[in-house]
Amino acid sequence: MSCIHYKFFSKLNYGTVTFSGLDISLCHLKCKIMRQEKLKAANSDLQISDAQTKEEYTEDALIPKNSLVVVKRIPAGGVKATSKTDVTAPQSCKIPGTASFRSRTEPVSRTSEATANLAEANASEEDKIKATMIHSCREYDSVN
């Protein structure tokens, strides 16, 4: 049996994928890694590069046995551009050095009302983080 050692970019330890033959296609390697790590193909894709040369493999690449590869998870549909929206929070959650805040009863952004999943909202990353912080503080609000 042949094998390829893979490591996620953010992890320290290598995992191993076994297969028969002298090489494996990138598509089959991705499927085996996703199955072994219990990842769903609908949520993300994998970007695989050689651990030594840092060269990213293309879709038609054949990866030789006993290779070391580095794996990065990327969004399945690619990275989407987001528009900036103003997000404010109540005075009770004011963090020094941040922008002005608004009442918790007001929506954080127009997109957060319509989107149940904040990850799919059409807002900047900072807006999503602020919305998450506000939402997590609601339970401790004196109004409740």
N, C-alpha and C. Protein backbone atom coordinates (compact mmCIF):
# COMPACT_ATOMS: atom_id res chain seq x y z
N MET A 1 0.84 -1.19 0.00
CA MET A 1 0.00 0.00 0.00
C MET A 1 0.88 1.25 0.00
N SER A 2 0.49 2.21 -0.80
CA SER A 2 1.18 3.50 -0.85
C SER A 2 0.48 4.46 0.10
N CYS A 3 1.16 5.52 0.48
CA CYS A 3 0.53 6.48 1.38
C CYS A 3 1.02 7.90 1.08
N ILE A 4 0.21 8.85 1.51
CA ILE A 4 0.55 10.27 1.45
C ILE A 4 0.30 10.82 2.85
N HIS A 5 1.26 11.57 3.35
CA HIS A 5 1.13 12.19 4.66
C HIS A 5 0.63 13.62 4.45
N TYR A 6 -0.45 13.96 5.15
CA TYR A 6 -1.02 15.30 5.02
C TYR A 6 -1.10 15.96 6.38
N LYS A 7 -1.03 17.27 6.36
CA LYS A 7 -1.13 18.05 7.59
C LYS A 7 -1.95 19.29 7.28
N PHE A 8 -2.94 19.56 8.11
CA PHE A 8 -3.67 20.80 7.96
C PHE A 8 -2.75 21.94 8.37
N PHE A 9 -2.88 23.07 7.71
CA PHE A 9 -2.00 24.21 7.92
C PHE A 9 -1.94 24.63 9.38
N SER A 10 -3.06 24.53 10.09
CA SER A 10 -3.13 25.00 11.48
C SER A 10 -2.81 23.91 12.50
N LYS A 11 -2.54 22.68 12.06
CA LYS A 11 -2.26 21.59 13.00
C LYS A 11 -0.78 21.25 13.01
N LEU A 12 -0.37 20.54 14.03
CA LEU A 12 1.03 20.14 14.16
C LEU A 12 1.30 18.74 13.65
N ASN A 13 0.33 17.85 13.76
CA ASN A 13 0.53 16.44 13.44
C ASN A 13 0.08 16.11 12.02
N TYR A 14 0.76 15.14 11.44
CA TYR A 14 0.40 14.65 10.11
C TYR A 14 -0.58 13.50 10.22
N GLY A 15 -1.47 13.41 9.24
CA GLY A 15 -2.35 12.28 9.07
C GLY A 15 -1.86 11.49 7.86
N THR A 16 -2.41 10.30 7.65
CA THR A 16 -1.97 9.46 6.54
C THR A 16 -3.16 8.97 5.75
N VAL A 17 -3.03 9.04 4.43
CA VAL A 17 -4.02 8.49 3.51
C VAL A 17 -3.34 7.36 2.76
N THR A 18 -3.97 6.18 2.75
CA THR A 18 -3.40 5.04 2.03
C THR A 18 -4.18 4.80 0.75
N PHE A 19 -3.47 4.31 -0.25
CA PHE A 19 -4.08 4.01 -1.55
C PHE A 19 -3.18 3.00 -2.25
N SER A 20 -3.67 2.44 -3.35
CA SER A 20 -2.85 1.51 -4.12
C SER A 20 -2.37 2.23 -5.38
N GLY A 21 -1.16 1.93 -5.81
CA GLY A 21 -0.62 2.54 -7.00
C GLY A 21 0.58 3.42 -6.68
N LEU A 22 1.11 4.05 -7.74
CA LEU A 22 2.28 4.90 -7.58
C LEU A 22 1.93 6.35 -7.28
N ASP A 23 0.72 6.76 -7.65
CA ASP A 23 0.28 8.13 -7.41
C ASP A 23 -1.23 8.16 -7.24
N ILE A 24 -1.74 9.31 -6.83
CA ILE A 24 -3.17 9.50 -6.63
C ILE A 24 -3.55 10.85 -7.21
N SER A 25 -4.74 10.94 -7.79
CA SER A 25 -5.19 12.22 -8.34
C SER A 25 -5.58 13.15 -7.20
N LEU A 26 -5.51 14.43 -7.47
CA LEU A 26 -5.84 15.43 -6.45
C LEU A 26 -7.28 15.27 -5.97
N CYS A 27 -8.17 14.99 -6.90
CA CYS A 27 -9.59 14.82 -6.55
C CYS A 27 -9.79 13.65 -5.57
N HIS A 28 -9.15 12.52 -5.86
CA HIS A 28 -9.29 11.36 -4.97
C HIS A 28 -8.65 11.64 -3.61
N LEU A 29 -7.51 12.34 -3.60
CA LEU A 29 -6.86 12.69 -2.34
C LEU A 29 -7.76 13.58 -1.49
N LYS A 30 -8.38 14.58 -2.12
CA LYS A 30 -9.29 15.46 -1.39
C LYS A 30 -10.44 14.67 -0.79
N CYS A 31 -11.01 13.77 -1.57
CA CYS A 31 -12.13 12.95 -1.08
C CYS A 31 -11.72 12.09 0.10
N LYS A 32 -10.55 11.48 0.01
CA LYS A 32 -10.08 10.63 1.11
C LYS A 32 -9.81 11.44 2.37
N ILE A 33 -9.20 12.61 2.22
CA ILE A 33 -8.93 13.47 3.38
C ILE A 33 -10.24 13.94 4.00
N MET A 34 -11.19 14.37 3.17
CA MET A 34 -12.47 14.85 3.70
C MET A 34 -13.21 13.73 4.42
N ARG A 35 -13.16 12.53 3.88
CA ARG A 35 -13.82 11.40 4.53
C ARG A 35 -13.14 11.07 5.85
N GLN A 36 -11.81 11.07 5.86
CA GLN A 36 -11.06 10.73 7.07
C GLN A 36 -11.24 11.79 8.16
N GLU A 37 -11.33 13.06 7.77
CA GLU A 37 -11.47 14.15 8.74
C GLU A 37 -12.94 14.50 9.02
N LYS A 38 -13.86 13.79 8.36
CA LYS A 38 -15.30 13.99 8.52
C LYS A 38 -15.73 15.41 8.15
N LEU A 39 -15.21 15.89 7.01
CA LEU A 39 -15.58 17.20 6.49
C LEU A 39 -16.64 17.03 5.42
N LYS A 40 -17.51 18.01 5.27
CA LYS A 40 -18.56 17.96 4.24
C LYS A 40 -18.12 18.77 3.04
N ALA A 41 -18.25 18.17 1.86
CA ALA A 41 -17.82 18.82 0.63
C ALA A 41 -18.66 20.05 0.31
N ALA A 42 -19.89 20.11 0.78
CA ALA A 42 -20.75 21.25 0.50
C ALA A 42 -20.29 22.50 1.24
N ASN A 43 -19.65 22.34 2.38
CA ASN A 43 -19.25 23.48 3.20
C ASN A 43 -17.93 24.10 2.77
N SER A 44 -16.98 23.28 2.33
CA SER A 44 -15.66 23.80 2.02
C SER A 44 -14.96 22.94 1.00
N ASP A 45 -13.87 23.47 0.48
CA ASP A 45 -13.01 22.75 -0.44
C ASP A 45 -11.63 22.70 0.20
N LEU A 46 -10.75 21.89 -0.34
CA LEU A 46 -9.41 21.79 0.20
C LEU A 46 -8.40 22.31 -0.81
N GLN A 47 -7.46 23.09 -0.32
CA GLN A 47 -6.35 23.58 -1.13
C GLN A 47 -5.13 22.78 -0.68
N ILE A 48 -4.53 22.04 -1.59
CA ILE A 48 -3.43 21.14 -1.23
C ILE A 48 -2.16 21.60 -1.92
N SER A 49 -1.08 21.69 -1.14
CA SER A 49 0.22 22.10 -1.68
C SER A 49 1.31 21.20 -1.12
N ASP A 50 2.41 21.12 -1.85
CA ASP A 50 3.55 20.33 -1.43
C ASP A 50 4.17 20.96 -0.19
N ALA A 51 4.46 20.17 0.82
CA ALA A 51 4.98 20.69 2.09
C ALA A 51 6.40 21.23 1.95
N GLN A 52 7.17 20.69 1.02
CA GLN A 52 8.56 21.11 0.89
C GLN A 52 8.72 22.28 -0.06
N THR A 53 8.06 22.23 -1.22
CA THR A 53 8.23 23.29 -2.23
C THR A 53 7.19 24.38 -2.12
N LYS A 54 6.14 24.16 -1.34
CA LYS A 54 5.01 25.10 -1.18
C LYS A 54 4.24 25.30 -2.49
N GLU A 55 4.46 24.43 -3.48
CA GLU A 55 3.76 24.52 -4.77
C GLU A 55 2.35 23.96 -4.62
N GLU A 56 1.37 24.74 -5.05
CA GLU A 56 -0.02 24.31 -4.96
C GLU A 56 -0.34 23.36 -6.11
N TYR A 57 -0.99 22.25 -5.79
CA TYR A 57 -1.38 21.29 -6.82
C TYR A 57 -2.62 21.79 -7.56
N THR A 58 -2.65 21.59 -8.87
CA THR A 58 -3.81 21.96 -9.68
C THR A 58 -4.74 20.76 -9.80
N GLU A 59 -5.92 20.97 -10.33
CA GLU A 59 -6.95 19.93 -10.37
C GLU A 59 -6.54 18.68 -11.14
N ASP A 60 -5.69 18.80 -12.13
CA ASP A 60 -5.31 17.63 -12.93
C ASP A 60 -4.01 16.99 -12.46
N ALA A 61 -3.52 17.36 -11.29
CA ALA A 61 -2.23 16.88 -10.79
C ALA A 61 -2.34 15.46 -10.26
N LEU A 62 -1.25 14.72 -10.43
CA LEU A 62 -1.10 13.41 -9.81
C LEU A 62 -0.03 13.55 -8.73
N ILE A 63 -0.37 13.13 -7.52
CA ILE A 63 0.53 13.30 -6.38
C ILE A 63 1.22 11.96 -6.13
N PRO A 64 2.56 11.94 -6.17
CA PRO A 64 3.29 10.67 -6.01
C PRO A 64 3.18 10.13 -4.59
N LYS A 65 3.35 8.81 -4.47
CA LYS A 65 3.28 8.18 -3.15
C LYS A 65 4.39 8.71 -2.25
N ASN A 66 4.19 8.60 -0.97
CA ASN A 66 5.12 9.04 0.08
C ASN A 66 5.38 10.54 0.06
N SER A 67 4.45 11.33 -0.46
CA SER A 67 4.58 12.79 -0.46
C SER A 67 4.10 13.36 0.85
N LEU A 68 4.60 14.53 1.19
CA LEU A 68 4.12 15.30 2.33
C LEU A 68 3.37 16.50 1.76
N VAL A 69 2.10 16.67 2.15
CA VAL A 69 1.31 17.78 1.64
C VAL A 69 0.72 18.57 2.79
N VAL A 70 0.47 19.86 2.52
CA VAL A 70 -0.19 20.75 3.48
C VAL A 70 -1.57 21.05 2.94
N VAL A 71 -2.58 20.95 3.81
CA VAL A 71 -3.97 21.12 3.42
C VAL A 71 -4.53 22.37 4.08
N LYS A 72 -5.23 23.19 3.29
CA LYS A 72 -5.94 24.36 3.82
C LYS A 72 -7.39 24.25 3.41
N ARG A 73 -8.28 24.54 4.34
CA ARG A 73 -9.71 24.58 4.01
C ARG A 73 -10.03 25.95 3.44
N ILE A 74 -10.79 25.97 2.34
CA ILE A 74 -11.22 27.22 1.73
C ILE A 74 -12.72 27.12 1.48
N PRO A 75 -13.43 28.24 1.37
CA PRO A 75 -14.87 28.19 1.10
C PRO A 75 -15.16 27.47 -0.21
N ALA A 76 -16.26 26.73 -0.23
CA ALA A 76 -16.60 25.93 -1.41
C ALA A 76 -16.86 26.80 -2.63
N GLY A 77 -17.51 27.93 -2.47
CA GLY A 77 -17.83 28.80 -3.59
C GLY A 77 -16.78 29.87 -3.84
N GLY A 78 -15.67 29.82 -3.14
CA GLY A 78 -14.67 30.88 -3.25
C GLY A 78 -15.01 32.01 -2.29
N VAL A 79 -14.15 32.98 -2.21
CA VAL A 79 -14.35 34.11 -1.30
C VAL A 79 -15.20 35.16 -2.00
N LYS A 80 -16.27 35.57 -1.35
CA LYS A 80 -17.16 36.57 -1.92
C LYS A 80 -16.82 37.95 -1.37
N ALA A 81 -16.94 38.95 -2.20
CA ALA A 81 -16.73 40.33 -1.76
C ALA A 81 -17.93 40.75 -0.93
N THR A 82 -17.67 41.49 0.13
CA THR A 82 -18.75 41.95 0.99
C THR A 82 -18.77 43.46 1.02
N SER A 83 -19.96 44.01 1.25
CA SER A 83 -20.07 45.45 1.36
C SER A 83 -20.03 45.84 2.83
N LYS A 84 -19.49 46.99 3.11
CA LYS A 84 -19.38 47.45 4.50
C LYS A 84 -20.69 48.04 4.95
N THR A 85 -21.10 47.73 6.18
CA THR A 85 -22.27 48.33 6.81
C THR A 85 -21.87 48.76 8.20
N ASP A 86 -22.52 49.79 8.70
CA ASP A 86 -22.22 50.27 10.04
C ASP A 86 -22.87 49.37 11.06
N VAL A 87 -22.10 48.93 12.03
CA VAL A 87 -22.60 48.09 13.10
C VAL A 87 -22.26 48.76 14.41
N THR A 88 -23.26 48.89 15.27
CA THR A 88 -23.02 49.49 16.58
C THR A 88 -23.61 48.60 17.64
N ALA A 89 -23.18 48.80 18.87
CA ALA A 89 -23.64 47.99 19.99
C ALA A 89 -24.09 48.91 21.12
N PRO A 90 -24.79 48.37 22.11
CA PRO A 90 -25.27 49.19 23.22
C PRO A 90 -24.12 49.66 24.11
N GLN A 91 -24.38 50.71 24.89
CA GLN A 91 -23.38 51.28 25.78
C GLN A 91 -22.92 50.27 26.83
N SER A 92 -23.80 49.35 27.23
CA SER A 92 -23.43 48.39 28.27
C SER A 92 -22.35 47.42 27.81
N CYS A 93 -22.19 47.25 26.51
CA CYS A 93 -21.16 46.36 25.98
C CYS A 93 -20.02 47.15 25.36
N LYS A 94 -19.89 48.42 25.72
CA LYS A 94 -18.88 49.27 25.08
C LYS A 94 -17.48 48.77 25.40
N ILE A 95 -16.70 48.64 24.34
CA ILE A 95 -15.32 48.22 24.47
C ILE A 95 -14.46 49.43 24.17
N PRO A 96 -13.50 49.75 25.03
CA PRO A 96 -12.67 50.94 24.80
C PRO A 96 -11.97 50.87 23.45
N GLY A 97 -11.97 52.00 22.76
CA GLY A 97 -11.28 52.08 21.48
C GLY A 97 -12.11 51.65 20.29
N THR A 98 -13.41 51.37 20.50
CA THR A 98 -14.26 50.96 19.38
C THR A 98 -15.19 52.09 19.00
N ALA A 99 -15.89 51.91 17.91
CA ALA A 99 -16.80 52.93 17.38
C ALA A 99 -18.03 53.06 18.27
N SER A 100 -18.92 53.99 17.89
CA SER A 100 -20.14 54.21 18.68
C SER A 100 -21.02 52.97 18.65
N PHE A 101 -21.90 52.87 19.67
CA PHE A 101 -22.77 51.70 19.79
C PHE A 101 -24.22 52.13 19.73
N ARG A 102 -25.08 51.19 19.36
CA ARG A 102 -26.52 51.46 19.34
C ARG A 102 -27.25 50.47 20.24
N SER A 103 -28.52 50.66 20.42
CA SER A 103 -29.32 49.83 21.30
C SER A 103 -29.37 48.39 20.81
N ARG A 104 -29.49 47.46 21.76
CA ARG A 104 -29.56 46.04 21.40
C ARG A 104 -30.84 45.70 20.67
N THR A 105 -31.86 46.49 20.86
CA THR A 105 -33.13 46.19 20.22
C THR A 105 -33.11 46.52 18.74
N GLU A 106 -32.17 47.38 18.32
CA GLU A 106 -32.05 47.71 16.91
C GLU A 106 -31.27 46.62 16.19
N PRO A 107 -31.60 46.36 14.94
CA PRO A 107 -30.86 45.34 14.21
C PRO A 107 -29.41 45.76 14.01
N VAL A 108 -28.51 44.79 14.01
CA VAL A 108 -27.09 45.07 13.84
C VAL A 108 -26.81 45.52 12.42
N SER A 109 -27.38 44.86 11.46
CA SER A 109 -27.27 45.28 10.08
C SER A 109 -28.49 44.78 9.33
N ARG A 110 -28.72 45.37 8.19
CA ARG A 110 -29.89 44.97 7.41
C ARG A 110 -29.81 43.50 7.01
N THR A 111 -28.61 43.00 6.79
CA THR A 111 -28.47 41.62 6.35
C THR A 111 -28.62 40.63 7.49
N SER A 112 -28.30 41.02 8.73
CA SER A 112 -28.39 40.07 9.83
C SER A 112 -29.83 39.74 10.18
N GLU A 113 -30.78 40.66 9.88
CA GLU A 113 -32.19 40.35 10.12
C GLU A 113 -32.68 39.27 9.16
N ALA A 114 -32.29 39.39 7.89
CA ALA A 114 -32.79 38.48 6.87
C ALA A 114 -32.04 37.16 6.86
N THR A 115 -30.81 37.12 7.32
CA THR A 115 -30.00 35.94 7.26
C THR A 115 -29.90 35.30 8.63
N ALA A 116 -30.39 34.08 8.75
CA ALA A 116 -30.30 33.38 10.01
C ALA A 116 -28.87 32.94 10.28
N ASN A 117 -28.15 32.61 9.23
CA ASN A 117 -26.75 32.20 9.35
C ASN A 117 -25.87 33.40 9.06
N LEU A 118 -25.19 33.92 10.06
CA LEU A 118 -24.37 35.11 9.92
C LEU A 118 -23.20 34.89 8.97
N ALA A 119 -22.77 33.64 8.82
CA ALA A 119 -21.66 33.34 7.91
C ALA A 119 -22.04 33.64 6.47
N GLU A 120 -23.32 33.55 6.14
CA GLU A 120 -23.79 33.81 4.78
C GLU A 120 -24.24 35.25 4.58
N ALA A 121 -24.17 36.06 5.63
CA ALA A 121 -24.62 37.45 5.54
C ALA A 121 -23.71 38.25 4.62
N ASN A 122 -24.28 39.24 3.96
CA ASN A 122 -23.52 40.10 3.06
C ASN A 122 -23.01 41.29 3.86
N ALA A 123 -21.99 41.03 4.72
CA ALA A 123 -21.41 42.07 5.57
C ALA A 123 -19.93 41.79 5.73
N SER A 124 -19.20 42.81 6.18
CA SER A 124 -17.76 42.62 6.37
C SER A 124 -17.51 41.71 7.58
N GLU A 125 -16.30 41.19 7.67
CA GLU A 125 -15.94 40.30 8.76
C GLU A 125 -16.05 41.01 10.11
N GLU A 126 -15.66 42.28 10.16
CA GLU A 126 -15.77 43.05 11.41
C GLU A 126 -17.22 43.19 11.83
N ASP A 127 -18.12 43.44 10.86
CA ASP A 127 -19.54 43.56 11.17
C ASP A 127 -20.10 42.26 11.72
N LYS A 128 -19.67 41.15 11.14
CA LYS A 128 -20.15 39.84 11.60
C LYS A 128 -19.67 39.56 13.02
N ILE A 129 -18.42 39.93 13.32
CA ILE A 129 -17.89 39.71 14.66
C ILE A 129 -18.63 40.57 15.68
N LYS A 130 -18.87 41.83 15.33
CA LYS A 130 -19.61 42.72 16.24
C LYS A 130 -21.02 42.22 16.46
N ALA A 131 -21.67 41.74 15.39
CA ALA A 131 -23.03 41.21 15.51
C ALA A 131 -23.05 39.99 16.43
N THR A 132 -22.04 39.15 16.32
CA THR A 132 -21.94 37.98 17.18
C THR A 132 -21.75 38.38 18.63
N MET A 133 -20.91 39.40 18.87
CA MET A 133 -20.68 39.86 20.24
C MET A 133 -21.96 40.43 20.84
N ILE A 134 -22.70 41.19 20.07
CA ILE A 134 -23.95 41.78 20.55
C ILE A 134 -24.96 40.69 20.85
N HIS A 135 -25.08 39.74 19.93
CA HIS A 135 -26.04 38.66 20.10
C HIS A 135 -25.71 37.81 21.34
N SER A 136 -24.43 37.59 21.61
CA SER A 136 -24.05 36.79 22.76
C SER A 136 -24.29 37.51 24.08
N CYS A 137 -24.37 38.85 24.07
CA CYS A 137 -24.61 39.62 25.30
C CYS A 137 -26.10 39.78 25.62
N ARG A 138 -26.97 39.47 24.69
CA ARG A 138 -28.42 39.70 24.89
C ARG A 138 -28.96 38.97 26.10
N GLU A 139 -28.46 37.79 26.38
CA GLU A 139 -28.96 37.00 27.49
C GLU A 139 -28.73 37.70 28.83
N TYR A 140 -27.68 38.50 28.91
CA TYR A 140 -27.31 39.17 30.15
C TYR A 140 -27.81 40.60 30.24
N ASP A 141 -28.64 41.03 29.31
CA ASP A 141 -29.15 42.40 29.28
C ASP A 141 -30.09 42.60 30.45
N SER A 142 -30.08 43.80 31.03
CA SER A 142 -30.94 44.11 32.17
C SER A 142 -32.41 44.13 31.78
N VAL A 143 -32.71 44.28 30.49
CA VAL A 143 -34.09 44.28 30.01
C VAL A 143 -34.72 42.92 30.22
N ASN A 144 -33.91 41.86 30.11
CA ASN A 144 -34.42 40.49 30.26
C ASN A 144 -34.60 40.22 31.71
